[in-house]
Amino acid sequence: MDAEIRNYYEILLDQTVTERKLREKFDDDQLADLFCLTLNQLPCRYIRHRVDLNAYASMDELIAMQKNVDEALKRAQEYIGNHPRKD
């Protein structure tokens, strides 16, 4: 198996978290929870190279994927806010 295979939603989520400066808002454990909770709501979309997705996905599909990330991330943040860690 090629180690370069990635789930594009992981990349998109990481970019979104960075753009929204959420690493400043959450500690490491909360960030791990945030990524897991968000990604568990999304389908997998495996790519080998980012250019592959751009070649095979329409602009509408890319916009829809970002919208899916935004909605899943919002739900994950709400969950973390309503269920603080107790460990």
Protein backbone atom coordinates (compact mmCIF):
# COMPACT_ATOMS: atom_id res chain seq x y z
CA MET A 1 0.00 0.00 0.00
CA ASP A 2 1.29 3.43 -0.89
CA ALA A 3 1.94 5.61 2.18
CA GLU A 4 0.95 8.68 0.16
CA ILE A 5 -2.74 7.72 0.12
CA ARG A 6 -4.73 10.17 2.24
CA ASN A 7 -8.32 10.92 3.00
CA TYR A 8 -8.95 14.31 1.40
CA TYR A 9 -11.39 15.22 4.16
CA GLU A 10 -8.49 15.07 6.66
CA ILE A 11 -6.58 17.61 4.57
CA LEU A 12 -9.63 19.82 4.15
CA LEU A 13 -10.43 19.67 7.87
CA ASP A 14 -6.84 20.50 8.82
CA GLN A 15 -6.92 23.54 6.51
CA THR A 16 -10.24 24.68 7.97
CA VAL A 17 -9.02 24.30 11.56
CA THR A 18 -5.92 26.31 10.68
CA GLU A 19 -7.88 29.06 8.91
CA ARG A 20 -10.25 29.39 11.86
CA LYS A 21 -7.36 29.37 14.36
CA LEU A 22 -9.02 26.60 16.35
CA ARG A 23 -5.65 25.33 17.58
CA GLU A 24 -5.58 28.44 19.76
CA LYS A 25 -9.04 27.71 21.16
CA PHE A 26 -8.66 24.01 22.00
CA ASP A 27 -5.97 22.03 23.83
CA ASP A 28 -4.35 18.96 22.23
CA ASP A 29 -6.87 16.46 23.63
CA GLN A 30 -9.80 18.60 22.53
CA LEU A 31 -8.28 19.01 19.06
CA ALA A 32 -7.91 15.25 18.74
CA ASP A 33 -11.55 14.85 19.78
CA LEU A 34 -12.56 17.61 17.37
CA PHE A 35 -10.84 15.89 14.44
CA CYS A 36 -12.29 12.47 15.32
CA LEU A 37 -15.82 13.74 15.89
CA THR A 38 -15.74 15.73 12.66
CA LEU A 39 -14.21 13.03 10.46
CA ASN A 40 -16.57 10.36 11.80
CA GLN A 41 -19.44 12.36 10.28
CA LEU A 42 -17.85 12.50 6.83
CA PRO A 43 -17.37 9.93 4.09
CA CYS A 44 -13.87 8.93 3.04
CA ARG A 45 -12.45 10.39 -0.14
CA TYR A 46 -9.04 8.90 -0.74
CA ILE A 47 -6.48 10.59 -2.94
CA ARG A 48 -2.86 10.00 -3.74
CA HIS A 49 -2.00 13.52 -4.79
CA ARG A 50 -4.02 16.70 -4.33
CA VAL A 51 -3.93 17.27 -8.07
CA ASP A 52 -5.87 14.01 -8.48
CA LEU A 53 -8.89 15.46 -6.75
CA ASN A 54 -8.77 18.66 -8.75
CA ALA A 55 -8.66 16.63 -11.95
CA TYR A 56 -11.60 14.38 -11.07
CA ALA A 57 -13.90 16.56 -8.95
CA SER A 58 -16.09 19.37 -10.22
CA MET A 59 -16.11 22.78 -8.58
CA ASP A 60 -19.61 22.02 -7.27
CA GLU A 61 -18.31 18.83 -5.65
CA LEU A 62 -15.38 20.65 -4.04
CA ILE A 63 -17.75 23.33 -2.68
CA ALA A 64 -20.06 20.63 -1.33
CA MET A 65 -17.14 18.91 0.39
CA GLN A 66 -16.17 22.15 2.13
CA LYS A 67 -19.78 22.67 3.19
CA ASN A 68 -19.84 19.13 4.61
CA VAL A 69 -16.68 19.87 6.61
CA ASP A 70 -18.11 23.16 7.88
CA GLU A 71 -21.32 21.52 9.08
CA ALA A 72 -19.59 18.52 10.66
CA LEU A 73 -17.04 20.77 12.37
CA LYS A 74 -19.81 22.94 13.78
CA ARG A 75 -21.57 19.90 15.25
CA ALA A 76 -18.29 18.60 16.69
CA GLN A 77 -17.54 21.95 18.34
CA GLU A 78 -21.03 22.04 19.83
CA TYR A 79 -20.58 18.52 21.18
CA ILE A 80 -17.24 19.36 22.78
CA GLY A 81 -18.72 22.52 24.26
CA ASN A 82 -21.63 20.58 25.76
CA HIS A 83 -19.52 17.59 26.94
CA PRO A 84 -16.32 18.84 28.56
CA ARG A 85 -13.62 16.25 29.31
CA LYS A 86 -13.46 15.09 32.89
CA ASP A 87 -10.08 13.34 32.82
